[in-house]
Amino acid sequence: MPDLDQRSHVAAVILAGGRSSRMGGGDKGFLDLGGKPVLAHVIDRLRPQVGTLVVNSNTDPASFAQFGLPVVSDATPDFAGPLAGLLAGLRWTVSNVPAARWVLSVSNDAPFLPPDLVQRLLEAVSDGRSAAVASSNGRKHHVIGLWSVALADDLASAMDGGLRKAADFVARQGAASVTFPLLKVGDRSVDPFFNVNTPADLELAREISARMDGAAGS
């Protein structure tokens, strides 16, 4: 976990701007997982690691009131995907958290994020890079990353030029890739960046969460 000084330099934007089409619409962050919303699990995982949290969503901000976090909408009007949410988070951080030097981006449907996510990504940018993304199980997670606030203008310019794929922006920045191990939950190996995309995923997440709670209480 980052120390208090490091945490004050990192803000996190939770990307909740997706359409959730595979879940039948609506915001996946509000789905029940072990008696509380999926988004609450994401917040609980992040809060010890960062100084500030903000939610990116294009729905009514009042619907997020229960979480007590600022809500910022996409910086572009055409539903441009996660990069628009990242840009909104970068712009918001520059304006509202002047001490922050980095913005962590995560999706709102990943309830099992590693407790050392920020620490390890910060270590990966200590060589002077402007970005680092998480990787697990042989796959990069292009929207789960740490970004210098100085990238806001470059991202805005790239999006004005038509850039929409997060993978392309990761490549453009030469971002470091940090591999995280699978979680052991009983006899099951779980990707720490498992995300809830479908009803079947939600059922699996509930099973994993119950096992975790059982292990913690034993």
C-alpha atoms as a PDB file:
ATOM      1  CA  MET A   1       0.000   0.000   0.000  1.00  0.00           C
ATOM      2  CA  PRO A   2       1.372   3.457  -0.829  1.00  0.00           C
ATOM      3  CA  ASP A   3       2.365   5.615   2.138  1.00  0.00           C
ATOM      4  CA  LEU A   4       0.282   8.674   2.969  1.00  0.00           C
ATOM      5  CA  ASP A   5       2.486  10.999   0.955  1.00  0.00           C
ATOM      6  CA  GLN A   6       2.263   8.819  -2.141  1.00  0.00           C
ATOM      7  CA  ARG A   7      -1.487   8.436  -1.765  1.00  0.00           C
ATOM      8  CA  SER A   8      -1.971  12.203  -1.750  1.00  0.00           C
ATOM      9  CA  HIS A   9      -0.404  12.279  -5.206  1.00  0.00           C
ATOM     10  CA  VAL A  10      -2.810   9.724  -6.690  1.00  0.00           C
ATOM     11  CA  ALA A  11      -6.471  10.156  -7.562  1.00  0.00           C
ATOM     12  CA  ALA A  12      -8.642   7.363  -8.949  1.00  0.00           C
ATOM     13  CA  VAL A  13     -11.388   7.558 -11.547  1.00  0.00           C
ATOM     14  CA  ILE A  14     -13.847   4.671 -11.547  1.00  0.00           C
ATOM     15  CA  LEU A  15     -15.151   4.251 -15.083  1.00  0.00           C
ATOM     16  CA  ALA A  16     -18.898   3.652 -14.961  1.00  0.00           C
ATOM     17  CA  GLY A  17     -19.810   5.096 -18.332  1.00  0.00           C
ATOM     18  CA  GLY A  18     -20.420   1.820 -20.187  1.00  0.00           C
ATOM     19  CA  ARG A  19     -23.760   0.720 -21.627  1.00  0.00           C
ATOM     20  CA  SER A  20     -23.719  -2.714 -19.890  1.00  0.00           C
ATOM     21  CA  SER A  21     -25.358  -4.264 -22.946  1.00  0.00           C
ATOM     22  CA  ARG A  22     -24.352  -7.814 -22.044  1.00  0.00           C
ATOM     23  CA  MET A  23     -25.977  -7.342 -18.645  1.00  0.00           C
ATOM     24  CA  GLY A  24     -29.206  -6.120 -20.224  1.00  0.00           C
ATOM     25  CA  GLY A  25     -28.527  -2.409 -19.684  1.00  0.00           C
ATOM     26  CA  GLY A  26     -28.278  -0.358 -16.519  1.00  0.00           C
ATOM     27  CA  ASP A  27     -25.198   0.282 -14.420  1.00  0.00           C
ATOM     28  CA  LYS A  28     -23.284  -2.849 -13.443  1.00  0.00           C
ATOM     29  CA  GLY A  29     -21.923  -1.069 -10.402  1.00  0.00           C
ATOM     30  CA  PHE A  30     -25.328  -1.224  -8.720  1.00  0.00           C
ATOM     31  CA  LEU A  31     -25.679  -5.011  -8.966  1.00  0.00           C
ATOM     32  CA  ASP A  32     -25.767  -6.776  -5.612  1.00  0.00           C
ATOM     33  CA  LEU A  33     -22.641  -8.686  -4.629  1.00  0.00           C
ATOM     34  CA  GLY A  34     -22.641 -10.132  -1.139  1.00  0.00           C
ATOM     35  CA  GLY A  35     -25.144  -7.610   0.179  1.00  0.00           C
ATOM     36  CA  LYS A  36     -23.645  -4.448  -1.281  1.00  0.00           C
ATOM     37  CA  PRO A  37     -23.235  -2.988  -4.780  1.00  0.00           C
ATOM     38  CA  VAL A  38     -20.351  -4.120  -6.972  1.00  0.00           C
ATOM     39  CA  LEU A  39     -19.181  -0.500  -7.063  1.00  0.00           C
ATOM     40  CA  ALA A  40     -18.931  -0.457  -3.274  1.00  0.00           C
ATOM     41  CA  HIS A  41     -16.482  -3.373  -3.470  1.00  0.00           C
ATOM     42  CA  VAL A  42     -14.391  -1.437  -5.996  1.00  0.00           C
ATOM     43  CA  ILE A  43     -14.393   1.628  -3.738  1.00  0.00           C
ATOM     44  CA  ASP A  44     -13.412  -0.450  -0.695  1.00  0.00           C
ATOM     45  CA  ARG A  45     -10.466  -1.887  -2.620  1.00  0.00           C
ATOM     46  CA  LEU A  46      -9.266   1.511  -3.798  1.00  0.00           C
ATOM     47  CA  ARG A  47      -9.849   3.772  -0.812  1.00  0.00           C
ATOM     48  CA  PRO A  48      -6.734   2.670   1.137  1.00  0.00           C
ATOM     49  CA  GLN A  49      -4.584   3.102  -1.967  1.00  0.00           C
ATOM     50  CA  VAL A  50      -5.402   6.618  -3.225  1.00  0.00           C
ATOM     51  CA  GLY A  51      -5.996  10.094  -1.880  1.00  0.00           C
ATOM     52  CA  THR A  52      -9.128  10.914  -3.882  1.00  0.00           C
ATOM     53  CA  LEU A  53     -11.869   8.982  -5.680  1.00  0.00           C
ATOM     54  CA  VAL A  54     -14.215  10.169  -8.429  1.00  0.00           C
ATOM     55  CA  VAL A  55     -16.803   8.285 -10.497  1.00  0.00           C
ATOM     56  CA  ASN A  56     -17.134   8.777 -14.250  1.00  0.00           C
ATOM     57  CA  SER A  57     -20.704   8.250 -15.415  1.00  0.00           C
ATOM     58  CA  ASN A  58     -23.047   9.641 -18.046  1.00  0.00           C
ATOM     59  CA  THR A  59     -26.191   8.964 -16.025  1.00  0.00           C
ATOM     60  CA  ASP A  60     -27.866  11.093 -13.351  1.00  0.00           C
ATOM     61  CA  PRO A  61     -25.192  11.911 -10.746  1.00  0.00           C
ATOM     62  CA  ALA A  62     -27.833  11.677  -8.025  1.00  0.00           C
ATOM     63  CA  SER A  63     -28.001   7.914  -8.558  1.00  0.00           C
ATOM     64  CA  PHE A  64     -24.503   7.673  -7.062  1.00  0.00           C
ATOM     65  CA  ALA A  65     -25.327   9.696  -3.940  1.00  0.00           C
ATOM     66  CA  GLN A  66     -25.103   6.624  -1.691  1.00  0.00           C
ATOM     67  CA  PHE A  67     -21.365   6.379  -2.398  1.00  0.00           C
ATOM     68  CA  GLY A  68     -20.557   9.954  -1.395  1.00  0.00           C
ATOM     69  CA  LEU A  69     -18.155  10.539  -4.283  1.00  0.00           C
ATOM     70  CA  PRO A  70     -17.935  13.267  -6.930  1.00  0.00           C
ATOM     71  CA  VAL A  71     -19.378  12.260 -10.310  1.00  0.00           C
ATOM     72  CA  VAL A  72     -18.019  13.583 -13.606  1.00  0.00           C
ATOM     73  CA  SER A  73     -19.435  12.883 -17.066  1.00  0.00           C
ATOM     74  CA  ASP A  74     -17.474  12.138 -20.228  1.00  0.00           C
ATOM     75  CA  ALA A  75     -15.401  14.935 -21.655  1.00  0.00           C
ATOM     76  CA  THR A  76     -16.793  14.232 -25.140  1.00  0.00           C
ATOM     77  CA  PRO A  77     -20.468  14.079 -26.188  1.00  0.00           C
ATOM     78  CA  ASP A  78     -20.397  11.038 -28.487  1.00  0.00           C
ATOM     79  CA  PHE A  79     -20.148   8.179 -25.985  1.00  0.00           C
ATOM     80  CA  ALA A  80     -16.519   7.677 -26.940  1.00  0.00           C
ATOM     81  CA  GLY A  81     -15.712   4.819 -24.564  1.00  0.00           C
ATOM     82  CA  PRO A  82     -13.310   4.509 -21.625  1.00  0.00           C
ATOM     83  CA  LEU A  83     -10.789   7.023 -22.961  1.00  0.00           C
ATOM     84  CA  ALA A  84     -13.450   9.733 -22.652  1.00  0.00           C
ATOM     85  CA  GLY A  85     -13.913   8.747 -19.020  1.00  0.00           C
ATOM     86  CA  LEU A  86     -10.170   8.775 -18.427  1.00  0.00           C
ATOM     87  CA  LEU A  87      -9.918  12.229 -19.968  1.00  0.00           C
ATOM     88  CA  ALA A  88     -12.759  13.437 -17.753  1.00  0.00           C
ATOM     89  CA  GLY A  89     -10.959  12.027 -14.720  1.00  0.00           C
ATOM     90  CA  LEU A  90      -7.681  13.679 -15.692  1.00  0.00           C
ATOM     91  CA  ARG A  91      -9.346  17.045 -16.279  1.00  0.00           C
ATOM     92  CA  TRP A  92     -11.302  16.816 -13.020  1.00  0.00           C
ATOM     93  CA  THR A  93      -8.173  15.905 -11.062  1.00  0.00           C
ATOM     94  CA  VAL A  94      -6.140  18.780 -12.485  1.00  0.00           C
ATOM     95  CA  SER A  95      -8.904  21.214 -11.506  1.00  0.00           C
ATOM     96  CA  ASN A  96      -9.847  19.773  -8.115  1.00  0.00           C
ATOM     97  CA  VAL A  97      -6.823  17.942  -6.693  1.00  0.00           C
ATOM     98  CA  PRO A  98      -3.779  20.103  -7.422  1.00  0.00           C
ATOM     99  CA  ALA A  99      -1.511  17.880  -5.315  1.00  0.00           C
ATOM    100  CA  ALA A 100      -2.233  14.851  -7.493  1.00  0.00           C
ATOM    101  CA  ARG A 101       0.378  13.821 -10.018  1.00  0.00           C
ATOM    102  CA  TRP A 102      -1.249  10.588 -11.144  1.00  0.00           C
ATOM    103  CA  VAL A 103      -4.707   9.271 -11.978  1.00  0.00           C
ATOM    104  CA  LEU A 104      -5.532   5.613 -11.574  1.00  0.00           C
ATOM    105  CA  SER A 105      -8.294   4.371 -13.863  1.00  0.00           C
ATOM    106  CA  VAL A 106     -10.314   1.240 -13.135  1.00  0.00           C
ATOM    107  CA  SER A 107     -13.600  -0.179 -14.364  1.00  0.00           C
ATOM    108  CA  ASN A 108     -16.603  -0.184 -12.056  1.00  0.00           C
ATOM    109  CA  ASP A 109     -17.229  -3.907 -12.478  1.00  0.00           C
ATOM    110  CA  ALA A 110     -13.937  -5.316 -11.113  1.00  0.00           C
ATOM    111  CA  PRO A 111     -14.623  -6.106  -7.438  1.00  0.00           C
ATOM    112  CA  PHE A 112     -11.430  -8.034  -6.647  1.00  0.00           C
ATOM    113  CA  LEU A 113      -8.734  -5.445  -7.406  1.00  0.00           C
ATOM    114  CA  PRO A 114      -5.312  -6.123  -5.810  1.00  0.00           C
ATOM    115  CA  PRO A 115      -4.496  -4.233  -2.591  1.00  0.00           C
ATOM    116  CA  ASP A 116      -1.073  -3.377  -4.034  1.00  0.00           C
ATOM    117  CA  LEU A 117      -2.374  -2.134  -7.402  1.00  0.00           C
ATOM    118  CA  VAL A 118      -1.278   1.486  -6.968  1.00  0.00           C
ATOM    119  CA  GLN A 119       2.001   0.655  -5.254  1.00  0.00           C
ATOM    120  CA  ARG A 120       3.166  -1.623  -8.047  1.00  0.00           C
ATOM    121  CA  LEU A 121       2.036   0.715 -10.819  1.00  0.00           C
ATOM    122  CA  LEU A 122       3.874   3.595  -9.125  1.00  0.00           C
ATOM    123  CA  GLU A 123       7.015   1.468  -9.013  1.00  0.00           C
ATOM    124  CA  ALA A 124       6.637   0.829 -12.750  1.00  0.00           C
ATOM    125  CA  VAL A 125       6.648   4.561 -13.573  1.00  0.00           C
ATOM    126  CA  SER A 126       9.582   5.372 -11.304  1.00  0.00           C
ATOM    127  CA  ASP A 127      11.828   5.157 -14.390  1.00  0.00           C
ATOM    128  CA  GLY A 128      10.215   8.291 -15.817  1.00  0.00           C
ATOM    129  CA  ARG A 129       7.400   6.751 -17.847  1.00  0.00           C
ATOM    130  CA  SER A 130       4.098   8.572 -17.983  1.00  0.00           C
ATOM    131  CA  ALA A 131       1.836   5.518 -17.730  1.00  0.00           C
ATOM    132  CA  ALA A 132       1.602   1.918 -16.581  1.00  0.00           C
ATOM    133  CA  VAL A 133      -1.163  -0.641 -17.034  1.00  0.00           C
ATOM    134  CA  ALA A 134      -2.040  -3.841 -15.232  1.00  0.00           C
ATOM    135  CA  SER A 135      -1.692  -7.293 -16.740  1.00  0.00           C
ATOM    136  CA  SER A 136      -2.760 -10.744 -15.578  1.00  0.00           C
ATOM    137  CA  ASN A 137      -3.204 -14.216 -16.947  1.00  0.00           C
ATOM    138  CA  GLY A 138      -1.365 -13.249 -20.139  1.00  0.00           C
ATOM    139  CA  ARG A 139      -3.559 -10.235 -20.931  1.00  0.00           C
ATOM    140  CA  LYS A 140      -3.134  -6.468 -20.592  1.00  0.00           C
ATOM    141  CA  HIS A 141      -5.976  -4.533 -19.001  1.00  0.00           C
ATOM    142  CA  HIS A 142      -5.743  -1.290 -20.925  1.00  0.00           C
ATOM    143  CA  VAL A 143      -8.267   0.671 -18.845  1.00  0.00           C
ATOM    144  CA  ILE A 144      -6.749  -0.366 -15.513  1.00  0.00           C
ATOM    145  CA  GLY A 145      -3.736   1.868 -15.355  1.00  0.00           C
ATOM    146  CA  LEU A 146      -1.870   4.755 -13.825  1.00  0.00           C
ATOM    147  CA  TRP A 147      -1.577   7.945 -15.874  1.00  0.00           C
ATOM    148  CA  SER A 148       0.352  11.165 -15.389  1.00  0.00           C
ATOM    149  CA  VAL A 149      -1.981  14.154 -15.140  1.00  0.00           C
ATOM    150  CA  ALA A 150       0.284  15.771 -17.750  1.00  0.00           C
ATOM    151  CA  LEU A 151      -1.226  13.411 -20.349  1.00  0.00           C
ATOM    152  CA  ALA A 152      -4.585  15.200 -20.393  1.00  0.00           C
ATOM    153  CA  ASP A 153      -3.779  17.469 -23.325  1.00  0.00           C
ATOM    154  CA  ASP A 154      -2.188  14.662 -25.338  1.00  0.00           C
ATOM    155  CA  LEU A 155      -5.208  12.431 -24.781  1.00  0.00           C
ATOM    156  CA  ALA A 156      -7.601  15.227 -25.732  1.00  0.00           C
ATOM    157  CA  SER A 157      -5.626  15.879 -28.913  1.00  0.00           C
ATOM    158  CA  ALA A 158      -5.534  12.178 -29.786  1.00  0.00           C
ATOM    159  CA  MET A 159      -9.269  11.847 -29.279  1.00  0.00           C
ATOM    160  CA  ASP A 160      -9.903  14.920 -31.400  1.00  0.00           C
ATOM    161  CA  GLY A 161      -7.962  13.075 -34.073  1.00  0.00           C
ATOM    162  CA  GLY A 162     -10.233  10.037 -33.799  1.00  0.00           C
ATOM    163  CA  LEU A 163      -8.448   7.837 -31.252  1.00  0.00           C
ATOM    164  CA  ARG A 164     -10.956   5.649 -29.395  1.00  0.00           C
ATOM    165  CA  LYS A 165      -9.178   2.421 -28.426  1.00  0.00           C
ATOM    166  CA  ALA A 166      -7.534   2.348 -25.024  1.00  0.00           C
ATOM    167  CA  ALA A 167      -4.965  -0.148 -26.334  1.00  0.00           C
ATOM    168  CA  ASP A 168      -3.850   2.395 -28.929  1.00  0.00           C
ATOM    169  CA  PHE A 169      -3.347   5.079 -26.281  1.00  0.00           C
ATOM    170  CA  VAL A 170      -1.386   2.630 -24.114  1.00  0.00           C
ATOM    171  CA  ALA A 171       0.900   1.900 -27.074  1.00  0.00           C
ATOM    172  CA  ARG A 172       1.178   5.612 -27.916  1.00  0.00           C
ATOM    173  CA  GLN A 173       2.510   6.304 -24.403  1.00  0.00           C
ATOM    174  CA  GLY A 174       4.863   3.329 -24.269  1.00  0.00           C
ATOM    175  CA  ALA A 175       3.174   2.387 -21.016  1.00  0.00           C
ATOM    176  CA  ALA A 176       4.804  -0.126 -18.713  1.00  0.00           C
ATOM    177  CA  SER A 177       2.944  -3.381 -18.143  1.00  0.00           C
ATOM    178  CA  VAL A 178       2.800  -4.794 -14.619  1.00  0.00           C
ATOM    179  CA  THR A 179       1.816  -8.443 -14.175  1.00  0.00           C
ATOM    180  CA  PHE A 180      -0.280  -9.367 -11.149  1.00  0.00           C
ATOM    181  CA  PRO A 181      -0.642 -12.973  -9.939  1.00  0.00           C
ATOM    182  CA  LEU A 182      -3.912 -14.851  -9.834  1.00  0.00           C
ATOM    183  CA  LEU A 183      -5.698 -14.911  -6.491  1.00  0.00           C
ATOM    184  CA  LYS A 184      -6.074 -18.224  -4.691  1.00  0.00           C
ATOM    185  CA  VAL A 185      -9.593 -18.592  -3.324  1.00  0.00           C
ATOM    186  CA  GLY A 186      -9.930 -22.070  -1.910  1.00  0.00           C
ATOM    187  CA  ASP A 187      -9.208 -24.449  -4.780  1.00  0.00           C
ATOM    188  CA  ARG A 188      -9.950 -21.778  -7.396  1.00  0.00           C
ATOM    189  CA  SER A 189      -7.559 -19.387  -9.134  1.00  0.00           C
ATOM    190  CA  VAL A 190      -9.196 -16.009  -9.707  1.00  0.00           C
ATOM    191  CA  ASP A 191      -8.037 -13.191 -11.954  1.00  0.00           C
ATOM    192  CA  PRO A 192      -7.742 -10.090  -9.729  1.00  0.00           C
ATOM    193  CA  PHE A 193      -9.186  -8.066 -12.617  1.00  0.00           C
ATOM    194  CA  PHE A 194     -12.184 -10.341 -13.132  1.00  0.00           C
ATOM    195  CA  ASN A 195     -15.033  -8.149 -14.285  1.00  0.00           C
ATOM    196  CA  VAL A 196     -18.777  -8.636 -14.166  1.00  0.00           C
ATOM    197  CA  ASN A 197     -20.005  -8.449 -17.757  1.00  0.00           C
ATOM    198  CA  THR A 198     -22.783 -11.047 -17.905  1.00  0.00           C
ATOM    199  CA  PRO A 199     -25.321 -12.632 -15.555  1.00  0.00           C
ATOM    200  CA  ALA A 200     -23.072 -15.713 -15.435  1.00  0.00           C
ATOM    201  CA  ASP A 201     -20.145 -13.517 -14.370  1.00  0.00           C
ATOM    202  CA  LEU A 202     -22.259 -12.067 -11.589  1.00  0.00           C
ATOM    203  CA  GLU A 203     -23.098 -15.520 -10.249  1.00  0.00           C
ATOM    204  CA  LEU A 204     -19.426 -16.470 -10.340  1.00  0.00           C
ATOM    205  CA  ALA A 205     -18.470 -13.229  -8.580  1.00  0.00           C
ATOM    206  CA  ARG A 206     -21.002 -14.014  -5.852  1.00  0.00           C
ATOM    207  CA  GLU A 207     -19.475 -17.456  -5.385  1.00  0.00           C
ATOM    208  CA  ILE A 208     -15.949 -16.007  -5.214  1.00  0.00           C
ATOM    209  CA  SER A 209     -17.019 -13.266  -2.803  1.00  0.00           C
ATOM    210  CA  ALA A 210     -18.715 -15.775  -0.520  1.00  0.00           C
ATOM    211  CA  ARG A 211     -15.585 -17.911  -0.447  1.00  0.00           C
ATOM    212  CA  MET A 212     -13.452 -14.877   0.348  1.00  0.00           C
ATOM    213  CA  ASP A 213     -15.764 -13.868   3.168  1.00  0.00           C
ATOM    214  CA  GLY A 214     -15.701 -17.407   4.509  1.00  0.00           C
ATOM    215  CA  ALA A 215     -11.906 -17.519   4.443  1.00  0.00           C
ATOM    216  CA  ALA A 216     -11.667 -14.138   6.175  1.00  0.00           C
ATOM    217  CA  GLY A 217     -14.016 -15.246   8.932  1.00  0.00           C
ATOM    218  CA  SER A 218     -12.356 -18.589   9.590  1.00  0.00           C
END
